[in-house]
Amino acid sequence: MEALFNFIFAFYIIYTICILAWALASWLPMVSPALAYNSTIVGIRRFLDSVVLPYVRLFRFVPPVRMGGAMVDLSALVAILALQIVGGKILLPLLHNALVA
């Protein structure tokens, strides 16, 4: 049963990294417009969109914040915080106690 918990924990970490990568990839076209047409970057962004967007859309109620001349979408940050609080502080310890103990 410890292997199942380790798998769930690894999934939790990888999903958090995917959300971070999705947020960073959304800024790439602003940094370098040529990256918006790079086929590798487009493929990575499509994959991340398909994996991350269903979860992040739950937090789209958070309004964007103006920082300088740009509007910053904070839904990814709120999604990561929710994942860390609910998953990391509540669900993972409960699963650990139920599966490993």
C-alpha atoms as a PDB file:
ATOM      1  CA  MET A   1       0.000   0.000   0.000  1.00  0.00           C
ATOM      2  CA  GLU A   2       2.954   2.285   0.462  1.00  0.00           C
ATOM      3  CA  ALA A   3       3.586   2.062  -3.287  1.00  0.00           C
ATOM      4  CA  LEU A   4       0.084   3.420  -3.945  1.00  0.00           C
ATOM      5  CA  PHE A   5       0.701   6.341  -1.595  1.00  0.00           C
ATOM      6  CA  ASN A   6       4.059   7.042  -3.283  1.00  0.00           C
ATOM      7  CA  PHE A   7       2.335   7.048  -6.686  1.00  0.00           C
ATOM      8  CA  ILE A   8      -0.338   9.499  -5.495  1.00  0.00           C
ATOM      9  CA  PHE A   9       2.307  11.734  -3.910  1.00  0.00           C
ATOM     10  CA  ALA A  10       4.373  11.713  -7.129  1.00  0.00           C
ATOM     11  CA  PHE A  11       1.255  12.602  -9.137  1.00  0.00           C
ATOM     12  CA  TYR A  12       0.572  15.480  -6.733  1.00  0.00           C
ATOM     13  CA  ILE A  13       4.102  16.873  -7.193  1.00  0.00           C
ATOM     14  CA  ILE A  14       4.080  16.422 -10.990  1.00  0.00           C
ATOM     15  CA  TYR A  15       0.684  18.116 -11.305  1.00  0.00           C
ATOM     16  CA  THR A  16       1.926  21.093  -9.278  1.00  0.00           C
ATOM     17  CA  ILE A  17       4.949  21.350 -11.578  1.00  0.00           C
ATOM     18  CA  CYS A  18       2.646  21.177 -14.625  1.00  0.00           C
ATOM     19  CA  ILE A  19       0.616  24.117 -13.326  1.00  0.00           C
ATOM     20  CA  LEU A  20       3.812  26.138 -12.807  1.00  0.00           C
ATOM     21  CA  ALA A  21       5.072  25.217 -16.276  1.00  0.00           C
ATOM     22  CA  TRP A  22       1.701  26.166 -17.791  1.00  0.00           C
ATOM     23  CA  ALA A  23       1.807  29.573 -16.106  1.00  0.00           C
ATOM     24  CA  LEU A  24       5.385  30.193 -17.264  1.00  0.00           C
ATOM     25  CA  ALA A  25       4.647  28.979 -20.801  1.00  0.00           C
ATOM     26  CA  SER A  26       1.821  31.477 -21.084  1.00  0.00           C
ATOM     27  CA  TRP A  27       4.375  34.275 -20.709  1.00  0.00           C
ATOM     28  CA  LEU A  28       6.769  32.990 -23.393  1.00  0.00           C
ATOM     29  CA  PRO A  29       5.109  34.736 -26.369  1.00  0.00           C
ATOM     30  CA  MET A  30       5.414  38.072 -24.557  1.00  0.00           C
ATOM     31  CA  VAL A  31       9.100  37.507 -23.875  1.00  0.00           C
ATOM     32  CA  SER A  32       9.897  36.398 -27.403  1.00  0.00           C
ATOM     33  CA  PRO A  33       7.151  36.519 -30.058  1.00  0.00           C
ATOM     34  CA  ALA A  34       9.063  33.958 -32.152  1.00  0.00           C
ATOM     35  CA  LEU A  35       8.389  31.356 -29.444  1.00  0.00           C
ATOM     36  CA  ALA A  36       4.657  31.636 -30.113  1.00  0.00           C
ATOM     37  CA  TYR A  37       5.203  29.850 -33.447  1.00  0.00           C
ATOM     38  CA  ASN A  38       7.824  27.310 -32.381  1.00  0.00           C
ATOM     39  CA  SER A  39       6.289  23.868 -32.991  1.00  0.00           C
ATOM     40  CA  THR A  40       7.895  22.323 -29.908  1.00  0.00           C
ATOM     41  CA  ILE A  41       6.640  25.092 -27.640  1.00  0.00           C
ATOM     42  CA  VAL A  42       3.172  24.932 -29.226  1.00  0.00           C
ATOM     43  CA  GLY A  43       3.039  21.166 -28.615  1.00  0.00           C
ATOM     44  CA  ILE A  44       4.095  21.564 -24.989  1.00  0.00           C
ATOM     45  CA  ARG A  45       1.542  24.335 -24.452  1.00  0.00           C
ATOM     46  CA  ARG A  46      -1.249  22.224 -25.989  1.00  0.00           C
ATOM     47  CA  PHE A  47      -0.371  19.318 -23.703  1.00  0.00           C
ATOM     48  CA  LEU A  48      -0.246  21.555 -20.641  1.00  0.00           C
ATOM     49  CA  ASP A  49      -3.534  23.204 -21.652  1.00  0.00           C
ATOM     50  CA  SER A  50      -5.245  19.828 -21.857  1.00  0.00           C
ATOM     51  CA  VAL A  51      -3.865  18.708 -18.487  1.00  0.00           C
ATOM     52  CA  VAL A  52      -4.024  21.903 -16.434  1.00  0.00           C
ATOM     53  CA  LEU A  53      -6.932  23.976 -17.755  1.00  0.00           C
ATOM     54  CA  PRO A  54      -9.780  21.769 -16.442  1.00  0.00           C
ATOM     55  CA  TYR A  55      -8.489  22.310 -12.890  1.00  0.00           C
ATOM     56  CA  VAL A  56      -7.417  25.960 -13.249  1.00  0.00           C
ATOM     57  CA  ARG A  57     -10.788  26.938 -14.749  1.00  0.00           C
ATOM     58  CA  LEU A  58     -12.324  26.232 -11.345  1.00  0.00           C
ATOM     59  CA  PHE A  59     -10.444  29.300 -10.089  1.00  0.00           C
ATOM     60  CA  ARG A  60     -11.174  31.716 -12.944  1.00  0.00           C
ATOM     61  CA  PHE A  61     -13.459  33.686 -10.623  1.00  0.00           C
ATOM     62  CA  VAL A  62     -10.329  35.469  -9.329  1.00  0.00           C
ATOM     63  CA  PRO A  63     -10.068  38.748 -11.267  1.00  0.00           C
ATOM     64  CA  PRO A  64      -6.798  39.562 -13.059  1.00  0.00           C
ATOM     65  CA  VAL A  65      -4.498  42.109 -11.427  1.00  0.00           C
ATOM     66  CA  ARG A  66      -2.819  44.960 -13.299  1.00  0.00           C
ATOM     67  CA  MET A  67       0.964  44.925 -12.873  1.00  0.00           C
ATOM     68  CA  GLY A  68       2.586  47.707 -14.806  1.00  0.00           C
ATOM     69  CA  GLY A  69       1.147  47.574 -18.295  1.00  0.00           C
ATOM     70  CA  ALA A  70       0.102  43.938 -18.163  1.00  0.00           C
ATOM     71  CA  MET A  71      -2.827  42.095 -16.655  1.00  0.00           C
ATOM     72  CA  VAL A  72      -1.754  39.086 -14.578  1.00  0.00           C
ATOM     73  CA  ASP A  73      -4.130  36.147 -14.212  1.00  0.00           C
ATOM     74  CA  LEU A  74      -3.884  34.867 -10.647  1.00  0.00           C
ATOM     75  CA  SER A  75      -6.042  31.777 -11.181  1.00  0.00           C
ATOM     76  CA  ALA A  76      -2.966  29.537 -11.527  1.00  0.00           C
ATOM     77  CA  LEU A  77      -1.564  30.863  -8.249  1.00  0.00           C
ATOM     78  CA  VAL A  78      -4.875  30.275  -6.474  1.00  0.00           C
ATOM     79  CA  ALA A  79      -5.075  26.789  -8.008  1.00  0.00           C
ATOM     80  CA  ILE A  80      -1.594  25.931  -6.711  1.00  0.00           C
ATOM     81  CA  LEU A  81      -2.422  27.300  -3.258  1.00  0.00           C
ATOM     82  CA  ALA A  82      -5.633  25.259  -3.139  1.00  0.00           C
ATOM     83  CA  LEU A  83      -3.769  22.147  -4.262  1.00  0.00           C
ATOM     84  CA  GLN A  84      -1.078  22.686  -1.633  1.00  0.00           C
ATOM     85  CA  ILE A  85      -3.529  23.367   1.192  1.00  0.00           C
ATOM     86  CA  VAL A  86      -6.198  20.775   0.436  1.00  0.00           C
ATOM     87  CA  GLY A  87      -3.938  18.140  -1.076  1.00  0.00           C
ATOM     88  CA  GLY A  88      -0.763  18.599   0.891  1.00  0.00           C
ATOM     89  CA  LYS A  89      -2.139  19.475   4.303  1.00  0.00           C
ATOM     90  CA  ILE A  90      -5.386  17.491   4.400  1.00  0.00           C
ATOM     91  CA  LEU A  91      -5.722  14.672   1.844  1.00  0.00           C
ATOM     92  CA  LEU A  92      -2.153  13.365   1.663  1.00  0.00           C
ATOM     93  CA  PRO A  93      -1.778  12.968   5.448  1.00  0.00           C
ATOM     94  CA  LEU A  94      -5.157  11.212   5.604  1.00  0.00           C
ATOM     95  CA  LEU A  95      -4.165   8.883   2.768  1.00  0.00           C
ATOM     96  CA  HIS A  96      -0.811   8.232   4.396  1.00  0.00           C
ATOM     97  CA  ASN A  97      -2.456   7.255   7.666  1.00  0.00           C
ATOM     98  CA  ALA A  98      -5.021   5.074   5.897  1.00  0.00           C
ATOM     99  CA  LEU A  99      -2.696   3.316   3.443  1.00  0.00           C
ATOM    100  CA  VAL A 100       0.667   3.069   5.179  1.00  0.00           C
ATOM    101  CA  ALA A 101      -0.331   2.726   8.838  1.00  0.00           C
END
